[in-house]
Amino acid sequence: MRGSAIATSVLALALLAAPAAAQPRGDDDSAALVEDGRRALKAGDYGAAGKALDQALALNPRRIEAYVLRAAVFAAKGEPTRGVAIMRKARALAPDNDDVAIALGTQLVLAGEAAEGVPLLEAAAVRVPERYEPHALLGHHYADAERWRDAALALEAYQRTRPAALAGEDDRHALDLAEAYLRTRRAPAALTLYEGVVRRHPTWMSARLGQAWALAAIDCGKARPVLRRLAADPKAPATVALVDGQCALATGAAADALTLARRYLTAEPRSAAGLALVGEAEAARGDLTAARAALTEARGLEPDRARYAVRLARVLRAAGDHAAAVAELEPITVAPDSVDYRGYWLELGEALVAVGRGPAMLDRLQAALATAPDDAELGTMVGGAQLAAGDHAAAAATLERALANVADGGGALTRARLSAALLAIGEAALARGDAAAAEPALVRADAVASGPAVWRALGAVRLARGDAAGAVEVLGRAAPATADVVTLILAGRAQAARGDVAAARAALAQAVTALLVAVECDRCTPAAFAAQLADLAVTTPWRTRAGPG
């Protein structure tokens, strides 16, 4: 479909272009021959078109529109090199003519000389943004080069500028635009375009595949029935099994994923993609050794494909070998507009954090997040690096934003890291005697991901602020049998502040016992010592210390 869309753009450039104002019109015979050539080209009679245009140029070698049309004939016949040659002649005659620049750039791109042709088209797109032709050609060129963000921008510009006469070709261009949306994580927009094309052209397999791919990116549960129907079509490619396998993984059906991967490998036994799916399915089933073997083989088959390195690194991290994951990923360079960019930085970033190198790489990790600031997983990774670097305020801000973008039911790691950052903020405020500043951070930590460390710090804050009842409530969440010494002492002080001497005695006695066990004081008399200390703590006036101890 892409080649057809490009060919249509080339012909439209020639057929709809107005005569260049600066060109000498010459005699009427050459003008008539140009119109004969235009009509023949429109009718698809390339032989007659070429003959008429050659005659027109013989009569008037300065008639620019004849060059443009003649080049279009060459392109339509699959001879872009000859189109380049004739447009170079036109360029020499009219170096500032936009029709000539666009036609020459087009012929160069079609002839495989993109290094020269693309800059001509890009300059024309800036100079005359209302011209649709360079946008169309650039959009498809960018798509071929997998420059998906650029492809989307160019094809959107084409949609805004193309003449009504070309509306019938919109669906051919829409396929590349939809793919660009899908590749830049705009699956809903891609799905809308694909569904429209499928309604109008139900036999276009590329549109049906795109529709299924986009649906898989949004909701694998809904996509799997669509993928199964596609797989039953004899015209469907074997890659449907790969996408269905990925969806099977996403929905927890690891056994299905493994079956689909093996089915695909029966047709394509040396497929890196098939082996990678085997590896991911084995990892989901818990066999990390088999997963590593399959992904290592996939990596060897296509060493330049970052996605297989990323998937292998994920398995290495799951096995606890973070250093190996770093070694696998760090030598690779992944462009920001690559579909693998997000996954690459997510896996590398988490591995770097795990081996203690997150703080040193923080600038690069933040740059990766800047490409998708609302990505919850990237935000969680960067927040972890900031936390490791000791920048607790920045970590809390990053992780709060990440948590806001977490899908329902997820975000356990985001919550844990956010709670840790808030706890550190609260403890720092508590240590400097600012209990009022500490409490909001600790209350938020308690709400995000509570636990013994948060209870201890929040209990200390409430005790410092005179809220003995609040301290008792939060400190009492820890089971006495498992509570640490500091928590038990704080609980005893809180109970004493409330006037509950018996409860205070019990908590402090447990604290002493726990302390003596911790230091292995075999010759001590814990019961007598605990009773004396409890009496002293309850009956002696003392000031609450603004700290966790």
Protein backbone atom coordinates (compact mmCIF):
# COMPACT_ATOMS: atom_id res chain seq x y z
CA MET A 1 0.00 0.00 0.00
CA ARG A 2 2.82 2.40 0.79
CA GLY A 3 4.31 2.17 -2.72
CA SER A 4 0.90 2.81 -4.22
CA ALA A 5 0.41 5.88 -2.06
CA ILE A 6 3.80 7.27 -3.09
CA ALA A 7 3.10 6.65 -6.76
CA THR A 8 -0.23 8.41 -6.41
CA SER A 9 1.49 11.41 -4.85
CA VAL A 10 4.01 11.58 -7.69
CA LEU A 11 1.31 11.54 -10.32
CA ALA A 12 -0.81 14.05 -8.43
CA LEU A 13 2.17 16.39 -8.20
CA ALA A 14 2.46 16.36 -11.94
CA LEU A 15 -1.22 16.34 -12.87
CA LEU A 16 -2.38 19.06 -10.46
CA ALA A 17 0.64 21.34 -10.62
CA ALA A 18 -0.02 24.70 -12.26
CA PRO A 19 2.39 25.87 -14.98
CA ALA A 20 5.37 27.68 -13.47
CA ALA A 21 4.81 31.41 -13.74
CA ALA A 22 8.42 32.22 -14.65
CA GLN A 23 8.71 29.82 -17.56
CA PRO A 24 8.53 31.09 -21.16
CA ARG A 25 5.28 29.88 -22.63
CA GLY A 26 6.75 29.47 -26.11
CA ASP A 27 4.58 28.53 -29.04
CA ASP A 28 1.10 27.06 -28.86
CA ASP A 29 2.22 23.69 -30.23
CA SER A 30 4.35 22.90 -27.19
CA ALA A 31 1.54 23.95 -24.83
CA ALA A 32 -0.90 21.69 -26.64
CA LEU A 33 1.53 18.79 -26.50
CA VAL A 34 1.96 19.29 -22.74
CA GLU A 35 -1.79 19.04 -22.28
CA ASP A 36 -1.87 15.94 -24.49
CA GLY A 37 0.81 14.41 -22.25
CA ARG A 38 -1.09 15.35 -19.09
CA ARG A 39 -4.29 13.71 -20.37
CA ALA A 40 -2.45 10.54 -21.41
CA LEU A 41 -0.68 10.36 -18.06
CA LYS A 42 -3.97 10.71 -16.22
CA ALA A 43 -5.42 7.92 -18.36
CA GLY A 44 -2.46 5.67 -17.60
CA ASP A 45 -1.18 5.65 -21.18
CA TYR A 46 2.44 6.21 -20.30
CA GLY A 47 3.75 5.56 -23.81
CA ALA A 48 1.58 8.26 -25.35
CA ALA A 49 2.29 10.61 -22.47
CA GLY A 50 6.05 10.22 -22.84
CA LYS A 51 5.91 10.73 -26.60
CA ALA A 52 3.84 13.93 -26.33
CA LEU A 53 6.03 15.40 -23.60
CA ASP A 54 9.24 14.60 -25.47
CA GLN A 55 7.85 16.44 -28.48
CA ALA A 56 6.87 19.39 -26.28
CA LEU A 57 10.39 19.63 -24.86
CA ALA A 58 11.90 19.38 -28.34
CA LEU A 59 9.81 22.39 -29.39
CA ASN A 60 10.40 24.34 -26.17
CA PRO A 61 13.25 23.07 -23.94
CA ARG A 62 12.41 25.69 -21.30
CA ARG A 63 8.86 24.52 -20.61
CA ILE A 64 9.22 23.51 -16.95
CA GLU A 65 5.88 21.76 -16.54
CA ALA A 66 6.85 19.41 -19.36
CA TYR A 67 9.90 18.29 -17.37
CA VAL A 68 7.78 17.71 -14.27
CA LEU A 69 5.25 15.64 -16.21
CA ARG A 70 7.94 13.72 -18.08
CA ALA A 71 9.61 12.81 -14.78
CA ALA A 72 6.24 11.61 -13.46
CA VAL A 73 5.96 9.29 -16.45
CA PHE A 74 9.36 7.83 -15.66
CA ALA A 75 8.32 7.34 -12.02
CA ALA A 76 5.06 5.69 -13.03
CA LYS A 77 7.02 3.28 -15.23
CA GLY A 78 9.43 2.46 -12.40
CA GLU A 79 12.33 4.42 -13.93
CA PRO A 80 13.07 7.09 -11.28
CA THR A 81 16.75 7.32 -12.27
CA ARG A 82 15.69 8.73 -15.63
CA GLY A 83 13.29 11.01 -13.78
CA VAL A 84 16.21 12.33 -11.72
CA ALA A 85 18.21 13.04 -14.88
CA ILE A 86 15.46 15.04 -16.55
CA MET A 87 14.65 16.98 -13.37
CA ARG A 88 18.31 17.95 -13.00
CA LYS A 89 17.98 19.66 -16.38
CA ALA A 90 14.88 21.47 -15.14
CA ARG A 91 16.71 22.46 -11.94
CA ALA A 92 19.45 24.09 -13.99
CA LEU A 93 16.82 26.12 -15.86
CA ALA A 94 14.72 27.07 -12.81
CA PRO A 95 16.79 26.66 -9.60
CA ASP A 96 14.25 28.54 -7.46
CA ASN A 97 11.12 26.84 -8.75
CA ASP A 98 9.22 24.92 -6.05
CA ASP A 99 7.64 22.49 -8.53
CA VAL A 100 11.11 21.58 -9.76
CA ALA A 101 12.56 21.21 -6.25
CA ILE A 102 9.67 18.99 -5.14
CA ALA A 103 9.74 16.87 -8.29
CA LEU A 104 13.52 16.43 -8.15
CA GLY A 105 13.39 15.55 -4.46
CA THR A 106 10.66 13.02 -5.15
CA GLN A 107 12.52 11.35 -7.99
CA LEU A 108 15.69 11.19 -5.91
CA VAL A 109 13.86 9.50 -3.03
CA LEU A 110 12.25 7.01 -5.41
CA ALA A 111 15.67 6.31 -6.95
CA GLY A 112 17.10 5.49 -3.53
CA GLU A 113 19.05 8.73 -3.25
CA ALA A 114 17.30 9.91 -0.10
CA ALA A 115 20.39 11.66 1.25
CA GLU A 116 20.02 14.26 -1.51
CA GLY A 117 16.28 14.10 -2.10
CA VAL A 118 14.93 14.32 1.46
CA PRO A 119 16.61 17.67 2.26
CA LEU A 120 15.07 19.13 -0.91
CA LEU A 121 11.62 17.98 0.18
CA GLU A 122 12.14 19.09 3.79
CA ALA A 123 13.20 22.56 2.64
CA ALA A 124 10.15 22.77 0.37
CA ALA A 125 7.85 21.68 3.22
CA VAL A 126 9.16 24.59 5.29
CA ARG A 127 9.22 27.10 2.44
CA VAL A 128 5.76 26.29 1.07
CA PRO A 129 3.93 24.47 3.90
CA GLU A 130 0.66 24.76 2.01
CA ARG A 131 1.96 22.37 -0.67
CA TYR A 132 0.78 18.86 0.05
CA GLU A 133 3.27 16.95 -2.13
CA PRO A 134 6.41 17.15 0.02
CA HIS A 135 4.41 16.25 3.13
CA ALA A 136 3.13 13.06 1.49
CA LEU A 137 6.51 11.91 0.21
CA LEU A 138 8.28 12.77 3.44
CA GLY A 139 5.63 11.01 5.51
CA HIS A 140 6.10 7.75 3.65
CA HIS A 141 9.88 8.10 3.60
CA TYR A 142 9.95 8.63 7.37
CA ALA A 143 7.70 5.61 7.82
CA ASP A 144 10.08 3.49 5.72
CA ALA A 145 12.94 4.72 7.92
CA GLU A 146 10.89 4.04 11.10
CA ARG A 147 11.05 7.70 12.06
CA TRP A 148 7.52 7.44 13.36
CA ARG A 149 7.10 10.82 15.06
CA ASP A 150 8.30 12.60 11.93
CA ALA A 151 6.06 10.38 9.79
CA ALA A 152 3.00 11.30 11.83
CA LEU A 153 3.72 15.04 11.63
CA ALA A 154 4.30 14.92 7.87
CA LEU A 155 1.20 12.86 7.11
CA GLU A 156 -0.94 15.06 9.35
CA ALA A 157 0.34 18.05 7.33
CA TYR A 158 -0.60 16.18 4.15
CA GLN A 159 -4.12 15.64 5.45
CA ARG A 160 -4.48 19.37 6.11
CA THR A 161 -3.20 20.46 2.71
CA ARG A 162 -4.16 17.85 0.15
CA PRO A 163 -6.69 18.95 -2.53
CA ALA A 164 -10.20 17.56 -2.58
CA ALA A 165 -9.37 15.76 -5.81
CA LEU A 166 -7.12 13.40 -3.84
CA ALA A 167 -9.61 12.49 -1.12
CA GLY A 168 -10.04 9.08 -2.69
CA GLU A 169 -6.44 8.24 -1.81
CA ASP A 170 -6.74 9.15 1.86
CA ASP A 171 -7.03 5.57 3.06
CA ARG A 172 -3.73 4.59 1.47
CA HIS A 173 -1.95 7.40 3.30
CA ALA A 174 -3.94 6.65 6.46
CA LEU A 175 -2.28 3.24 6.79
CA ASP A 176 1.12 4.82 7.37
CA LEU A 177 -0.35 7.51 9.62
CA ALA A 178 -2.12 4.88 11.71
CA GLU A 179 1.09 2.87 12.01
CA ALA A 180 2.95 6.02 13.06
CA TYR A 181 0.36 6.59 15.79
CA LEU A 182 0.65 2.98 16.92
CA ARG A 183 4.44 3.11 17.01
CA THR A 184 4.41 6.33 19.04
CA ARG A 185 2.07 4.85 21.67
CA ARG A 186 -1.10 6.51 20.42
CA ALA A 187 -2.99 3.28 19.99
CA PRO A 188 -6.53 4.73 20.33
CA ALA A 189 -5.88 7.19 17.48
CA ALA A 190 -4.38 4.37 15.40
CA LEU A 191 -7.37 2.12 16.08
CA THR A 192 -9.80 4.82 14.94
CA LEU A 193 -7.98 5.18 11.62
CA TYR A 194 -7.62 1.44 11.06
CA GLU A 195 -11.28 0.77 11.85
CA GLY A 196 -12.34 3.39 9.31
CA VAL A 197 -10.15 1.86 6.60
CA VAL A 198 -11.40 -1.66 7.40
CA ARG A 199 -15.02 -0.51 7.11
CA ARG A 200 -14.33 0.93 3.67
CA HIS A 201 -11.92 -1.78 2.50
CA PRO A 202 -12.66 -5.01 4.38
CA THR A 203 -10.31 -7.02 2.17
CA TRP A 204 -7.21 -4.92 2.91
CA MET A 205 -5.15 -7.28 5.04
CA SER A 206 -2.74 -4.54 6.13
CA ALA A 207 -5.65 -2.56 7.59
CA ARG A 208 -7.11 -5.62 9.34
CA LEU A 209 -3.72 -6.45 10.82
CA GLY A 210 -3.25 -2.87 11.97
CA GLN A 211 -6.66 -2.90 13.59
CA ALA A 212 -5.80 -6.06 15.51
CA TRP A 213 -2.35 -4.73 16.50
CA ALA A 214 -3.85 -1.47 17.79
CA LEU A 215 -6.55 -3.30 19.71
CA ALA A 216 -3.86 -5.53 21.24
CA ALA A 217 -2.00 -2.43 22.40
CA ILE A 218 -5.16 -1.21 24.16
CA ASP A 219 -6.86 -4.35 25.49
CA CYS A 220 -5.42 -7.80 24.87
CA GLY A 221 -8.54 -9.43 26.25
CA LYS A 222 -10.60 -7.89 23.44
CA ALA A 223 -7.87 -8.39 20.87
CA ARG A 224 -7.43 -12.15 21.23
CA PRO A 225 -10.76 -13.12 19.59
CA VAL A 226 -9.96 -10.73 16.71
CA LEU A 227 -6.50 -12.25 16.36
CA ARG A 228 -7.91 -15.77 16.34
CA ARG A 229 -10.30 -14.83 13.53
CA LEU A 230 -7.40 -13.33 11.60
CA ALA A 231 -5.30 -16.44 12.09
CA ALA A 232 -8.04 -18.51 10.48
CA ASP A 233 -7.75 -16.47 7.26
CA PRO A 234 -5.34 -18.25 4.88
CA LYS A 235 -4.11 -14.86 3.66
CA ALA A 236 -3.03 -13.78 7.12
CA PRO A 237 0.72 -13.84 7.85
CA ALA A 238 2.20 -16.11 10.48
CA THR A 239 3.04 -13.05 12.59
CA VAL A 240 -0.55 -13.07 13.86
CA ALA A 241 0.54 -15.92 16.13
CA LEU A 242 3.29 -13.72 17.57
CA VAL A 243 0.92 -10.90 18.45
CA ASP A 244 -1.62 -13.34 19.86
CA GLY A 245 1.21 -14.87 21.88
CA GLN A 246 2.14 -11.49 23.32
CA CYS A 247 -1.48 -10.92 24.22
CA ALA A 248 -1.64 -14.35 25.80
CA LEU A 249 1.29 -13.32 28.01
CA ALA A 250 -0.41 -10.04 28.89
CA THR A 251 -3.54 -11.88 29.98
CA GLY A 252 -1.64 -14.46 32.05
CA ALA A 253 -1.98 -17.34 29.60
CA ALA A 254 1.70 -18.31 29.49
CA ALA A 255 0.98 -21.82 28.23
CA ASP A 256 -1.00 -20.39 25.28
CA ALA A 257 1.88 -18.03 24.54
CA LEU A 258 4.37 -20.90 24.46
CA THR A 259 2.12 -22.93 22.15
CA LEU A 260 1.71 -19.98 19.77
CA ALA A 261 5.45 -19.29 19.79
CA ARG A 262 6.25 -22.90 18.91
CA ARG A 263 3.61 -22.86 16.19
CA TYR A 264 5.23 -19.81 14.67
CA LEU A 265 8.70 -21.36 14.89
CA THR A 266 7.42 -24.35 12.93
CA ALA A 267 6.90 -21.96 10.01
CA GLU A 268 9.92 -19.75 10.78
CA PRO A 269 12.44 -21.89 12.66
CA ARG A 270 15.19 -19.24 12.70
CA SER A 271 13.00 -16.39 13.85
CA ALA A 272 14.39 -14.15 16.58
CA ALA A 273 10.87 -12.91 17.31
CA GLY A 274 9.59 -16.45 17.78
CA LEU A 275 12.46 -17.39 20.07
CA ALA A 276 11.97 -14.19 22.06
CA LEU A 277 8.32 -15.11 22.60
CA VAL A 278 9.41 -18.58 23.78
CA GLY A 279 11.78 -16.90 26.21
CA GLU A 280 9.13 -14.57 27.60
CA ALA A 281 6.62 -17.40 27.92
CA GLU A 282 9.16 -19.58 29.74
CA ALA A 283 9.93 -16.67 32.07
CA ALA A 284 6.23 -16.23 32.79
CA ARG A 285 6.05 -19.93 33.64
CA GLY A 286 8.98 -19.51 36.04
CA ASP A 287 11.66 -21.31 34.02
CA LEU A 288 14.26 -18.53 33.90
CA THR A 289 17.00 -20.87 32.66
CA ALA A 290 15.00 -21.81 29.56
CA ALA A 291 13.95 -18.20 29.13
CA ARG A 292 17.55 -17.01 29.20
CA ALA A 293 18.62 -19.62 26.66
CA ALA A 294 15.86 -18.74 24.17
CA LEU A 295 16.40 -15.00 24.47
CA THR A 296 20.17 -15.35 24.17
CA GLU A 297 19.62 -17.24 20.91
CA ALA A 298 17.22 -14.56 19.67
CA ARG A 299 19.76 -11.91 20.59
CA GLY A 300 22.45 -13.72 18.59
CA LEU A 301 20.23 -13.95 15.50
CA GLU A 302 19.53 -10.21 15.45
CA PRO A 303 22.23 -8.51 17.49
CA ASP A 304 21.26 -5.05 16.25
CA ARG A 305 17.69 -5.34 17.51
CA ALA A 306 17.47 -3.63 20.87
CA ARG A 307 14.16 -5.28 21.73
CA TYR A 308 15.74 -8.71 22.20
CA ALA A 309 18.45 -7.29 24.43
CA VAL A 310 15.72 -5.57 26.44
CA ARG A 311 13.75 -8.78 26.86
CA LEU A 312 16.86 -10.72 27.81
CA ALA A 313 17.75 -8.05 30.37
CA ARG A 314 14.29 -8.35 31.89
CA VAL A 315 14.85 -12.07 32.45
CA LEU A 316 18.33 -11.43 33.85
CA ARG A 317 16.90 -8.95 36.34
CA ALA A 318 14.16 -11.40 37.31
CA ALA A 319 16.93 -13.89 38.08
CA GLY A 320 18.65 -11.27 40.22
CA ASP A 321 21.58 -10.83 37.83
CA HIS A 322 21.35 -7.04 37.52
CA ALA A 323 25.01 -6.65 36.59
CA ALA A 324 24.52 -8.94 33.58
CA ALA A 325 21.49 -6.89 32.54
CA VAL A 326 23.58 -3.71 32.65
CA ALA A 327 26.35 -5.39 30.63
CA GLU A 328 23.80 -6.50 28.04
CA LEU A 329 22.19 -3.09 27.59
CA GLU A 330 24.79 -0.45 28.30
CA PRO A 331 26.80 -0.84 25.06
CA ILE A 332 23.65 -0.35 22.96
CA THR A 333 22.54 3.03 21.58
CA VAL A 334 18.80 3.38 21.02
CA ALA A 335 17.38 6.42 19.24
CA PRO A 336 14.65 8.38 21.07
CA ASP A 337 12.15 7.75 18.26
CA SER A 338 12.77 3.98 18.29
CA VAL A 339 9.93 1.78 19.46
CA ASP A 340 12.44 0.12 21.78
CA TYR A 341 13.56 3.35 23.48
CA ARG A 342 11.14 3.20 26.38
CA GLY A 343 11.75 -0.46 27.18
CA TYR A 344 15.49 -0.02 26.87
CA TRP A 345 15.69 2.78 29.42
CA LEU A 346 13.20 1.14 31.72
CA GLU A 347 15.23 -2.07 31.96
CA LEU A 348 18.64 -0.37 31.97
CA GLY A 349 17.50 2.18 34.54
CA GLU A 350 16.13 -0.41 36.96
CA ALA A 351 19.28 -2.50 36.58
CA LEU A 352 21.47 0.55 37.22
CA VAL A 353 19.47 1.39 40.34
CA ALA A 354 19.86 -2.20 41.55
CA VAL A 355 23.67 -2.15 41.16
CA GLY A 356 23.97 1.29 42.74
CA ARG A 357 24.71 3.25 39.57
CA GLY A 358 21.37 4.99 39.27
CA PRO A 359 22.54 8.28 40.83
CA ALA A 360 25.52 8.54 38.47
CA MET A 361 23.26 8.05 35.44
CA LEU A 362 20.44 10.27 36.70
CA ASP A 363 20.74 12.91 33.96
CA ARG A 364 20.34 10.31 31.21
CA LEU A 365 17.52 8.56 33.03
CA GLN A 366 15.67 11.86 33.41
CA ALA A 367 16.20 12.57 29.71
CA ALA A 368 14.51 9.26 28.91
CA LEU A 369 11.58 10.17 31.15
CA ALA A 370 11.30 13.56 29.43
CA THR A 371 10.30 11.78 26.20
CA ALA A 372 7.22 10.37 27.99
CA PRO A 373 6.74 12.31 31.23
CA ASP A 374 3.45 10.60 32.07
CA ASP A 375 4.78 7.07 31.68
CA ALA A 376 4.23 5.45 35.07
CA GLU A 377 6.95 2.80 34.73
CA LEU A 378 9.61 5.24 33.53
CA GLY A 379 8.61 7.62 36.32
CA THR A 380 8.93 4.83 38.87
CA MET A 381 12.39 3.97 37.56
CA VAL A 382 13.60 7.59 37.67
CA GLY A 383 12.03 8.06 41.10
CA GLY A 384 14.01 5.04 42.28
CA ALA A 385 17.24 6.58 40.99
CA GLN A 386 16.46 9.89 42.70
CA LEU A 387 15.69 8.04 45.90
CA ALA A 388 19.02 6.21 45.69
CA ALA A 389 20.74 9.55 45.10
CA GLY A 390 19.24 10.92 48.30
CA ASP A 391 17.13 13.56 46.55
CA HIS A 392 13.99 12.64 48.44
CA ALA A 393 11.94 15.70 47.48
CA ALA A 394 12.57 15.15 43.74
CA ALA A 395 11.86 11.44 44.13
CA ALA A 396 8.56 12.14 45.86
CA ALA A 397 7.48 14.56 43.12
CA THR A 398 8.43 12.13 40.33
CA LEU A 399 6.76 9.18 42.04
CA GLU A 400 3.57 11.11 42.82
CA ARG A 401 3.23 11.86 39.10
CA ALA A 402 3.97 8.26 38.24
CA LEU A 403 1.38 7.01 40.72
CA ALA A 404 -1.23 9.33 39.22
CA ASN A 405 -0.70 7.54 35.88
CA VAL A 406 -0.68 3.97 37.19
CA ALA A 407 -3.43 1.75 35.85
CA ASP A 408 -5.99 0.47 38.32
CA GLY A 409 -4.68 -2.41 40.39
CA GLY A 410 -1.00 -1.75 39.70
CA GLY A 411 1.79 0.38 41.04
CA ALA A 412 3.09 -1.67 43.98
CA LEU A 413 6.69 -0.66 43.26
CA THR A 414 5.67 2.97 42.67
CA ARG A 415 3.87 3.06 46.00
CA ALA A 416 6.75 1.41 47.86
CA ARG A 417 9.27 3.89 46.49
CA LEU A 418 7.01 6.88 47.07
CA SER A 419 6.40 5.79 50.66
CA ALA A 420 10.16 5.42 51.18
CA ALA A 421 10.81 8.92 49.82
CA LEU A 422 8.10 10.43 52.01
CA LEU A 423 9.37 8.52 55.03
CA ALA A 424 12.85 9.92 54.47
CA ILE A 425 11.42 13.45 54.18
CA GLY A 426 9.43 12.97 57.38
CA GLU A 427 12.33 11.50 59.32
CA ALA A 428 14.63 14.34 58.22
CA ALA A 429 12.10 16.91 59.46
CA LEU A 430 11.68 14.96 62.69
CA ALA A 431 15.45 14.85 63.24
CA ARG A 432 15.71 18.62 62.99
CA GLY A 433 12.86 19.04 65.49
CA ASP A 434 10.19 20.12 62.98
CA ALA A 435 7.39 17.68 63.79
CA ALA A 436 4.81 19.94 62.11
CA ALA A 437 6.62 19.59 58.77
CA ALA A 438 7.19 15.87 59.28
CA GLU A 439 3.57 14.88 59.86
CA PRO A 440 2.06 15.61 56.39
CA ALA A 441 4.80 13.64 54.65
CA LEU A 442 4.36 10.70 57.01
CA VAL A 443 0.57 10.78 56.78
CA ARG A 444 0.91 10.59 52.99
CA ALA A 445 3.45 7.75 53.30
CA ASP A 446 0.98 5.93 55.56
CA ALA A 447 -1.74 6.34 52.93
CA VAL A 448 0.46 5.25 50.01
CA ALA A 449 2.19 2.16 51.40
CA SER A 450 2.13 1.81 55.16
CA GLY A 451 4.35 -0.38 57.25
CA PRO A 452 6.31 -0.63 60.53
CA ALA A 453 8.88 2.05 59.64
CA VAL A 454 6.13 4.53 58.76
CA TRP A 455 4.14 3.66 61.91
CA ARG A 456 7.20 4.19 64.08
CA ALA A 457 8.04 7.60 62.58
CA LEU A 458 4.43 8.80 62.53
CA GLY A 459 3.96 7.64 66.13
CA ALA A 460 7.03 9.62 67.18
CA VAL A 461 5.69 12.72 65.41
CA ARG A 462 2.30 12.50 67.04
CA LEU A 463 3.88 11.92 70.42
CA ALA A 464 6.11 14.97 69.89
CA ARG A 465 3.06 17.06 69.01
CA GLY A 466 1.14 15.99 72.11
CA ASP A 467 -1.24 13.67 70.30
CA ALA A 468 -0.84 10.66 72.57
CA ALA A 469 -4.05 9.00 71.38
CA GLY A 470 -2.99 9.32 67.73
CA ALA A 471 0.43 7.92 68.60
CA VAL A 472 -1.11 4.94 70.39
CA GLU A 473 -3.36 4.23 67.40
CA VAL A 474 -0.58 4.17 64.81
CA LEU A 475 2.03 2.44 66.99
CA GLY A 476 -0.52 -0.17 68.01
CA ARG A 477 -0.74 -1.43 64.44
CA ALA A 478 2.53 -3.31 64.97
CA ALA A 479 2.00 -6.70 66.58
CA PRO A 480 3.78 -6.69 69.97
CA ALA A 481 5.50 -9.97 69.21
CA THR A 482 7.13 -8.58 66.08
CA ALA A 483 7.47 -4.87 66.91
CA ASP A 484 11.00 -3.46 67.13
CA VAL A 485 12.41 -2.00 70.35
CA VAL A 486 11.97 1.65 69.35
CA THR A 487 8.33 1.11 68.43
CA LEU A 488 7.67 -0.59 71.78
CA ILE A 489 9.38 2.23 73.73
CA LEU A 490 7.40 4.86 71.83
CA ALA A 491 4.20 2.90 72.48
CA GLY A 492 5.03 2.79 76.18
CA ARG A 493 5.65 6.53 76.29
CA ALA A 494 2.42 7.19 74.40
CA GLN A 495 0.43 5.00 76.77
CA ALA A 496 2.05 6.78 79.75
CA ALA A 497 1.14 10.14 78.27
CA ARG A 498 -2.45 8.95 78.06
CA GLY A 499 -2.32 7.87 81.71
CA ASP A 500 -2.56 4.14 81.03
CA VAL A 501 0.22 3.00 83.36
CA ALA A 502 -0.49 -0.72 82.95
CA ALA A 503 -0.28 -0.56 79.15
CA ALA A 504 2.87 1.55 79.38
CA ARG A 505 4.49 -0.99 81.73
CA ALA A 506 3.63 -3.84 79.38
CA ALA A 507 5.04 -2.09 76.28
CA LEU A 508 8.26 -1.05 78.00
CA ALA A 509 8.75 -4.50 79.54
CA GLN A 510 8.44 -5.99 76.04
CA ALA A 511 10.96 -3.42 74.79
CA VAL A 512 13.49 -4.40 77.42
CA THR A 513 13.02 -8.09 76.75
CA ALA A 514 13.47 -7.52 73.03
CA LEU A 515 16.57 -5.45 73.67
CA LEU A 516 18.16 -8.03 75.92
CA VAL A 517 17.42 -10.78 73.41
CA ALA A 518 18.93 -8.64 70.66
CA VAL A 519 22.21 -8.22 72.60
CA GLU A 520 22.15 -11.85 73.81
CA CYS A 521 22.39 -10.86 77.50
CA ASP A 522 22.34 -14.39 78.87
CA ARG A 523 23.41 -13.43 82.46
CA CYS A 524 20.94 -10.55 82.81
CA THR A 525 17.69 -10.82 84.74
CA PRO A 526 15.27 -9.45 82.14
CA ALA A 527 12.13 -9.61 84.27
CA ALA A 528 13.54 -7.64 87.21
CA PHE A 529 15.33 -5.14 84.97
CA ALA A 530 12.21 -4.64 82.86
CA ALA A 531 10.03 -4.02 85.91
CA GLN A 532 12.47 -1.43 87.31
CA LEU A 533 12.78 0.35 83.98
CA ALA A 534 9.02 0.35 83.48
CA ASP A 535 8.50 1.89 86.92
CA LEU A 536 11.11 4.53 86.20
CA ALA A 537 9.68 5.37 82.76
CA VAL A 538 6.13 5.68 84.01
CA THR A 539 6.76 7.57 87.26
CA THR A 540 9.65 9.90 86.32
CA PRO A 541 8.88 13.15 84.43
CA TRP A 542 10.70 13.32 81.09
CA ARG A 543 10.41 15.31 77.86
CA THR A 544 9.30 13.66 74.63
CA ARG A 545 12.24 13.60 72.24
CA ALA A 546 11.57 14.75 68.69
CA GLY A 547 13.02 11.68 67.08
CA PRO A 548 12.32 8.06 66.31
CA GLY A 549 14.31 6.69 69.30
